Amino acid sequence: MANMAQAIRMALHYGEKHLDVKDVFGQDVGPPMGGVFTATQGLDTAWNTPLDERGIVGAAMGIAMTGDICVAEIQFCDYIFNTIDLLKIAGNTNWVTNGNATLPMVLMTPVGAGIRGSVYHSHSFDAWASRLPGWKVVMPSNPLDAYGLLIAAIKDPNPVMFLKPKALLRVRGQELLPGEPENEKELKAMIDAPVGDRSQWKAKWPELKDHNVPIGKAKITRSGSAATIVTYGRHVLMCNDVADDLKKNQGIDLEVIDLRSIYPYDWSCIKQSVSKTGRVLFVNEDTEVTNFAEHLSYRVTHELFYELMARPRVLAGKNLPGIGLHANLEEASVPQVSDIKSEVLNLLKEVP
């Protein structure tokens, strides 16, 4: 099975071969490196830019305004903050031109902790991204969804932000991508660049097929009636583990929702689940102050108040200036499996 970095690479290849992607670019995105996480190795349209985040976003906007489809990357989301004004302009361009200008651009950037990246390589960006009107924002939790969401993003005429969980980029999926060979070693030999001299290397791509994960459509990864957990990205795997553990050892059946799209988000899925369970916990790793989950919690309270059996809860990253390098500091800064389990059990104890 492909890991997430390989799935992203194959989605980009599918895009340049079948969806008219003209440019894939960013710092170290082209040869020889093919991206700091190897997610752009072997692509025909990949090229390197200077270390200039504003230049990368500005170039993507210009290319998209001509009608060409492009995929740009900010090497780490930690360095995207100096482009906020450009991201705002990219989001409102269609609106201020009365629909006359579209921006068919995808902006990829790795997000979150989990790789011992310390202060400068552990930021999250989902809450900031959710406050950029005009953008669609997605974050996959597995390789198949990464493949399908990226293809959907490339097809979309709007600017789409594709947030890649750093901690999941080397995690293999449980389902084959359409056209992916079953043997992992065979796939690696085909599309992973060798260590050392790559000057003569070319990828041998499998016959990949279309796969579309609709933007704005969540997925229920565990079904249950005791309580709802709403999450995305890296924490889907953790929440699934908690749900499996509690069901096996305590007979508690939790419903876990993988939001997949931060905006637009699948309110219908959340509403149906919370109406059924009466209890909800929102989990992500962005900082707890002005967290995107606070909006979801507010909406649940506002629209489903009389169906709730307990107050909605948000479990998020600590409101700290940064994340420390030591494993103990990092794990204390963002939700871990033990934190999720404890919060769920407290949620279940609360009575109306």
Protein backbone atom coordinates (compact mmCIF):
# COMPACT_ATOMS: atom_id res chain seq x y z
CA MET A 1 0.00 0.00 0.00
CA ALA A 2 1.19 3.51 -0.78
CA ASN A 3 2.02 5.93 1.99
CA MET A 4 0.53 9.42 1.94
CA ALA A 5 3.56 11.07 0.31
CA GLN A 6 3.44 8.52 -2.51
CA ALA A 7 -0.33 9.00 -2.87
CA ILE A 8 0.11 12.76 -3.22
CA ARG A 9 2.84 12.21 -5.79
CA MET A 10 0.62 9.89 -7.82
CA ALA A 11 -2.33 12.31 -7.64
CA LEU A 12 -0.09 15.07 -8.98
CA HIS A 13 1.10 12.81 -11.77
CA TYR A 14 -2.50 11.98 -12.63
CA GLY A 15 -3.20 15.71 -12.65
CA GLU A 16 -0.40 16.58 -15.05
CA LYS A 17 -1.31 13.72 -17.40
CA HIS A 18 -5.10 13.92 -17.36
CA LEU A 19 -6.22 17.20 -15.78
CA ASP A 20 -4.00 19.71 -17.59
CA VAL A 21 -1.85 20.67 -14.60
CA LYS A 22 0.84 22.88 -16.15
CA ASP A 23 3.03 23.69 -13.14
CA VAL A 24 3.92 22.09 -9.80
CA PHE A 25 6.38 24.32 -7.95
CA GLY A 26 7.85 25.49 -4.68
CA GLN A 27 11.06 25.37 -2.70
CA ASP A 28 12.90 22.08 -3.49
CA VAL A 29 9.77 20.75 -5.21
CA GLY A 30 11.57 19.95 -8.47
CA PRO A 31 14.57 17.71 -9.07
CA PRO A 32 16.75 16.49 -7.55
CA MET A 33 14.98 16.52 -4.18
CA GLY A 34 11.34 16.27 -5.24
CA GLY A 35 10.05 17.90 -2.09
CA VAL A 36 11.30 17.76 1.48
CA PHE A 37 8.84 14.89 2.07
CA THR A 38 9.40 13.42 -1.46
CA ALA A 39 5.81 14.15 -2.46
CA THR A 40 6.79 15.64 -5.85
CA GLN A 41 9.52 13.25 -7.07
CA GLY A 42 9.51 12.30 -10.73
CA LEU A 43 6.90 14.80 -11.92
CA ASP A 44 7.31 16.25 -15.41
CA THR A 45 5.96 19.69 -14.48
CA ALA A 46 7.75 20.18 -11.13
CA TRP A 47 10.24 23.03 -10.75
CA ASN A 48 12.13 24.80 -7.99
CA THR A 49 11.54 28.34 -6.78
CA PRO A 50 13.68 30.60 -4.62
CA LEU A 51 13.05 30.55 -0.87
CA ASP A 52 10.26 33.10 -1.16
CA GLU A 53 6.81 32.19 0.11
CA ARG A 54 5.22 35.41 -1.13
CA GLY A 55 6.75 34.82 -4.56
CA ILE A 56 5.38 31.26 -4.62
CA VAL A 57 1.84 32.31 -3.74
CA GLY A 58 1.99 35.34 -6.07
CA ALA A 59 3.21 33.20 -8.97
CA ALA A 60 0.42 30.68 -8.36
CA MET A 61 -2.16 33.46 -8.42
CA GLY A 62 -0.76 34.87 -11.66
CA ILE A 63 -0.69 31.47 -13.37
CA ALA A 64 -4.23 30.71 -12.20
CA MET A 65 -5.53 34.09 -13.39
CA THR A 66 -4.45 33.19 -16.91
CA GLY A 67 -6.64 30.09 -16.69
CA ASP A 68 -3.85 27.55 -16.28
CA ILE A 69 -4.07 24.98 -13.49
CA CYS A 70 -1.16 24.92 -11.05
CA VAL A 71 -0.18 23.33 -7.75
CA ALA A 72 2.16 25.30 -5.51
CA GLU A 73 3.75 24.25 -2.24
CA ILE A 74 4.90 26.09 0.86
CA GLN A 75 7.55 23.78 2.27
CA PHE A 76 6.20 24.02 5.85
CA CYS A 77 3.07 25.85 6.94
CA ASP A 78 5.22 27.49 9.62
CA TYR A 79 6.42 29.83 6.86
CA ILE A 80 3.08 30.60 5.23
CA PHE A 81 2.12 33.37 7.63
CA ASN A 82 3.88 36.12 5.69
CA THR A 83 1.54 35.42 2.74
CA ILE A 84 -1.74 36.04 4.59
CA ASP A 85 -2.57 39.20 2.64
CA LEU A 86 -2.02 37.38 -0.67
CA LEU A 87 -4.13 34.44 0.50
CA LYS A 88 -6.92 36.89 1.30
CA ILE A 89 -6.69 38.39 -2.19
CA ALA A 90 -6.67 34.93 -3.79
CA GLY A 91 -9.81 34.06 -1.85
CA ASN A 92 -11.77 37.18 -2.81
CA THR A 93 -10.70 37.50 -6.46
CA ASN A 94 -13.70 35.66 -7.87
CA TRP A 95 -16.06 37.71 -5.71
CA VAL A 96 -14.56 41.14 -6.44
CA THR A 97 -14.49 40.42 -10.20
CA ASN A 98 -18.17 39.45 -10.17
CA GLY A 99 -17.25 35.92 -11.24
CA ASN A 100 -15.14 36.98 -14.19
CA ALA A 101 -11.86 35.67 -12.76
CA THR A 102 -11.38 32.23 -11.26
CA LEU A 103 -8.26 30.90 -9.59
CA PRO A 104 -7.84 27.18 -10.37
CA MET A 105 -4.89 26.82 -8.00
CA VAL A 106 -3.99 24.35 -5.28
CA LEU A 107 -1.73 25.39 -2.44
CA MET A 108 -0.17 22.47 -0.57
CA THR A 109 1.62 22.76 2.76
CA PRO A 110 2.58 20.26 5.48
CA VAL A 111 1.00 20.98 8.88
CA GLY A 112 1.10 19.92 12.49
CA ALA A 113 3.41 18.27 14.96
CA GLY A 114 4.49 14.65 15.27
CA ILE A 115 7.90 14.78 13.59
CA ARG A 116 9.87 16.40 16.44
CA GLY A 117 10.04 19.59 14.41
CA SER A 118 10.27 21.91 17.41
CA VAL A 119 9.32 25.58 17.26
CA TYR A 120 9.79 26.22 13.53
CA HIS A 121 8.38 23.03 11.99
CA SER A 122 5.38 22.06 14.15
CA HIS A 123 2.72 24.70 13.51
CA SER A 124 -0.84 23.98 12.53
CA PHE A 125 -2.70 26.16 10.05
CA ASP A 126 -6.25 24.80 9.91
CA ALA A 127 -7.80 27.50 12.13
CA TRP A 128 -6.08 30.28 10.17
CA ALA A 129 -7.12 28.68 6.87
CA SER A 130 -10.75 28.47 7.97
CA ARG A 131 -10.76 32.27 8.29
CA LEU A 132 -9.84 32.86 4.63
CA PRO A 133 -13.15 33.39 2.79
CA GLY A 134 -13.14 32.12 -0.79
CA TRP A 135 -10.79 29.21 -0.07
CA LYS A 136 -11.70 25.57 0.18
CA VAL A 137 -9.59 23.77 2.76
CA VAL A 138 -9.02 20.01 3.00
CA MET A 139 -6.89 17.72 5.20
CA PRO A 140 -6.71 13.96 4.55
CA SER A 141 -6.11 11.27 7.16
CA ASN A 142 -5.07 8.42 4.85
CA PRO A 143 -3.42 7.90 1.44
CA LEU A 144 -6.59 7.05 -0.50
CA ASP A 145 -8.33 10.19 0.70
CA ALA A 146 -5.18 12.21 0.00
CA TYR A 147 -5.24 10.94 -3.58
CA GLY A 148 -8.96 11.60 -4.04
CA LEU A 149 -9.02 14.99 -2.31
CA LEU A 150 -6.03 16.26 -4.29
CA ILE A 151 -7.60 15.21 -7.58
CA ALA A 152 -10.84 16.93 -6.51
CA ALA A 153 -8.84 20.04 -5.58
CA ILE A 154 -7.14 20.12 -8.98
CA LYS A 155 -10.51 19.88 -10.72
CA ASP A 156 -12.03 22.67 -8.63
CA PRO A 157 -12.07 26.16 -10.22
CA ASN A 158 -11.63 27.76 -6.78
CA PRO A 159 -8.41 28.12 -4.79
CA VAL A 160 -8.02 25.03 -2.61
CA MET A 161 -5.65 24.65 0.31
CA PHE A 162 -4.40 21.08 0.71
CA LEU A 163 -3.06 20.62 4.25
CA LYS A 164 -0.76 17.60 4.58
CA PRO A 165 -0.37 16.18 8.11
CA LYS A 166 3.39 15.86 8.57
CA ALA A 167 3.01 12.94 10.97
CA LEU A 168 1.07 10.90 8.39
CA LEU A 169 3.19 11.36 5.27
CA ARG A 170 5.09 8.12 5.86
CA VAL A 171 2.06 6.15 7.08
CA ARG A 172 0.79 3.49 4.68
CA GLY A 173 -2.87 3.12 3.87
CA GLN A 174 -5.16 0.13 4.16
CA GLU A 175 -6.66 0.44 0.68
CA LEU A 176 -5.05 0.42 -2.75
CA LEU A 177 -5.18 3.53 -4.87
CA PRO A 178 -6.87 3.06 -8.25
CA GLY A 179 -4.16 1.62 -10.49
CA GLU A 180 -1.60 1.13 -7.71
CA PRO A 181 0.33 -2.18 -7.84
CA GLU A 182 -0.40 -4.49 -4.91
CA ASN A 183 3.26 -5.06 -4.09
CA GLU A 184 4.77 -2.24 -2.01
CA LYS A 185 8.31 -2.99 -3.20
CA GLU A 186 7.17 -2.85 -6.81
CA LEU A 187 5.61 0.57 -6.27
CA LYS A 188 8.72 1.84 -4.52
CA ALA A 189 10.94 0.66 -7.39
CA MET A 190 8.67 2.44 -9.86
CA ILE A 191 8.20 5.88 -8.29
CA ASP A 192 10.72 6.39 -5.44
CA ALA A 193 13.95 8.08 -6.50
CA PRO A 194 17.17 6.28 -5.52
CA VAL A 195 19.51 7.60 -2.87
CA GLY A 196 22.50 9.35 -4.43
CA ASP A 197 22.77 10.36 -8.08
CA ARG A 198 19.32 10.94 -9.59
CA SER A 199 20.40 12.72 -12.76
CA GLN A 200 19.36 9.82 -15.02
CA TRP A 201 16.43 8.55 -12.97
CA LYS A 202 12.87 8.76 -14.23
CA ALA A 203 9.74 7.49 -12.55
CA LYS A 204 7.83 4.60 -14.14
CA TRP A 205 4.29 5.49 -13.28
CA PRO A 206 1.55 2.86 -12.90
CA GLU A 207 -1.62 3.27 -14.95
CA LEU A 208 -3.41 5.43 -12.42
CA LYS A 209 -7.16 6.02 -12.52
CA ASP A 210 -9.47 8.79 -11.45
CA HIS A 211 -10.69 8.88 -7.86
CA ASN A 212 -12.72 11.74 -6.50
CA VAL A 213 -13.36 12.48 -2.82
CA PRO A 214 -15.94 15.29 -2.86
CA ILE A 215 -14.76 18.41 -1.07
CA GLY A 216 -17.14 19.07 1.82
CA LYS A 217 -18.10 15.44 2.42
CA ALA A 218 -17.14 13.85 5.76
CA LYS A 219 -16.68 10.14 6.43
CA ILE A 220 -17.83 8.12 9.42
CA THR A 221 -14.86 5.90 10.31
CA ARG A 222 -16.46 4.27 13.38
CA SER A 223 -20.20 3.94 14.01
CA GLY A 224 -21.70 4.22 17.47
CA SER A 225 -24.33 5.80 19.68
CA ALA A 226 -22.60 6.69 22.96
CA ALA A 227 -20.93 9.90 21.76
CA THR A 228 -19.60 11.58 18.62
CA ILE A 229 -15.97 12.53 18.01
CA VAL A 230 -15.37 14.98 15.17
CA THR A 231 -11.78 15.28 13.95
CA TYR A 232 -9.53 15.34 10.90
CA GLY A 233 -5.96 14.70 9.75
CA ARG A 234 -3.55 13.05 12.14
CA HIS A 235 -6.05 12.71 14.96
CA VAL A 236 -8.44 10.50 13.00
CA LEU A 237 -6.12 7.57 13.62
CA MET A 238 -5.88 8.38 17.32
CA CYS A 239 -9.64 8.75 17.71
CA ASN A 240 -10.20 5.47 15.87
CA ASP A 241 -7.79 3.79 18.32
CA VAL A 242 -9.70 5.22 21.28
CA ALA A 243 -13.03 4.09 19.82
CA ASP A 244 -11.70 0.58 19.18
CA ASP A 245 -10.21 0.34 22.68
CA LEU A 246 -13.34 1.51 24.49
CA LYS A 247 -15.60 -0.75 22.46
CA LYS A 248 -13.42 -3.80 23.07
CA ASN A 249 -12.69 -3.26 26.76
CA GLN A 250 -15.70 -1.30 28.06
CA GLY A 251 -18.47 -1.90 25.54
CA ILE A 252 -18.69 1.80 24.68
CA ASP A 253 -19.49 2.45 21.03
CA LEU A 254 -18.29 5.83 19.81
CA GLU A 255 -19.01 7.42 16.46
CA VAL A 256 -15.92 8.96 14.84
CA ILE A 257 -16.29 11.47 12.01
CA ASP A 258 -13.33 12.26 9.74
CA LEU A 259 -14.27 15.74 8.56
CA ARG A 260 -11.78 15.61 5.62
CA SER A 261 -12.85 19.12 4.55
CA ILE A 262 -12.43 21.96 7.01
CA TYR A 263 -14.27 24.28 4.66
CA PRO A 264 -16.81 23.70 3.37
CA TYR A 265 -17.54 21.24 6.17
CA ASP A 266 -20.18 18.54 6.30
CA TRP A 267 -22.66 20.01 8.75
CA SER A 268 -25.30 17.45 7.77
CA CYS A 269 -23.07 14.59 8.89
CA ILE A 270 -22.22 16.29 12.19
CA LYS A 271 -25.85 17.19 12.84
CA GLN A 272 -27.18 13.69 12.22
CA SER A 273 -24.54 12.10 14.40
CA VAL A 274 -24.86 14.52 17.34
CA SER A 275 -28.65 14.30 17.17
CA LYS A 276 -28.25 10.54 17.57
CA THR A 277 -25.65 10.48 20.34
CA GLY A 278 -26.40 13.69 22.23
CA ARG A 279 -22.71 14.13 23.07
CA VAL A 280 -19.83 15.48 21.00
CA LEU A 281 -16.08 15.98 21.33
CA PHE A 282 -14.11 17.95 18.75
CA VAL A 283 -10.41 17.05 18.46
CA ASN A 284 -7.57 18.73 16.57
CA GLU A 285 -4.05 19.98 17.23
CA ASP A 286 -4.29 23.66 16.43
CA THR A 287 -4.09 25.95 19.46
CA GLU A 288 -7.14 26.00 21.71
CA VAL A 289 -7.76 29.77 21.52
CA THR A 290 -9.76 30.73 18.38
CA ASN A 291 -9.70 27.10 17.29
CA PHE A 292 -11.85 26.07 14.31
CA ALA A 293 -13.60 23.54 16.58
CA GLU A 294 -14.89 26.42 18.66
CA HIS A 295 -17.03 27.44 15.70
CA LEU A 296 -18.33 23.90 15.32
CA SER A 297 -19.03 23.70 19.05
CA TYR A 298 -20.91 27.00 18.91
CA ARG A 299 -23.01 25.82 15.99
CA VAL A 300 -23.87 22.54 17.72
CA THR A 301 -24.91 24.46 20.83
CA HIS A 302 -26.88 27.01 18.84
CA GLU A 303 -28.76 24.58 16.56
CA LEU A 304 -28.89 21.34 18.59
CA PHE A 305 -29.13 22.65 22.15
CA TYR A 306 -32.26 20.70 23.11
CA GLU A 307 -30.86 17.45 21.74
CA LEU A 308 -27.66 17.57 23.79
CA MET A 309 -27.10 15.35 26.82
CA ALA A 310 -23.88 17.17 27.76
CA ARG A 311 -22.01 20.33 26.82
CA PRO A 312 -19.91 20.04 23.63
CA ARG A 313 -16.20 19.71 24.32
CA VAL A 314 -13.10 20.81 22.41
CA LEU A 315 -9.75 19.08 22.83
CA ALA A 316 -7.01 21.01 21.04
CA GLY A 317 -3.37 22.03 21.25
CA LYS A 318 -2.16 24.13 24.17
CA ASN A 319 -2.08 27.88 23.57
CA LEU A 320 1.72 28.08 23.52
CA PRO A 321 4.15 30.21 21.46
CA GLY A 322 5.65 27.02 20.04
CA ILE A 323 6.21 23.31 20.51
CA GLY A 324 9.36 22.06 22.21
CA LEU A 325 11.83 19.66 20.60
CA HIS A 326 11.82 17.04 23.36
CA ALA A 327 9.23 14.30 22.89
CA ASN A 328 7.71 15.01 26.31
CA LEU A 329 7.22 18.68 25.44
CA GLU A 330 5.69 17.93 22.05
CA GLU A 331 3.33 15.27 23.37
CA ALA A 332 2.23 17.54 26.20
CA SER A 333 1.43 20.31 23.71
CA VAL A 334 -0.98 18.52 21.36
CA PRO A 335 -3.68 15.88 22.06
CA GLN A 336 -2.51 12.30 22.46
CA VAL A 337 -4.50 9.05 22.64
CA SER A 338 -4.58 9.18 26.44
CA ASP A 339 -5.95 12.74 26.36
CA ILE A 340 -8.71 11.77 23.93
CA LYS A 341 -9.70 8.75 25.99
CA SER A 342 -9.80 10.75 29.21
CA GLU A 343 -11.88 13.52 27.65
CA VAL A 344 -14.35 11.03 26.15
CA LEU A 345 -14.83 9.24 29.48
CA ASN A 346 -15.45 12.57 31.23
CA LEU A 347 -17.92 13.50 28.52
CA LEU A 348 -19.81 10.25 29.06
CA LYS A 349 -19.96 10.82 32.84
CA GLU A 350 -21.63 14.21 32.45
CA VAL A 351 -25.37 14.11 33.07
CA PRO A 352 -28.01 16.62 31.97
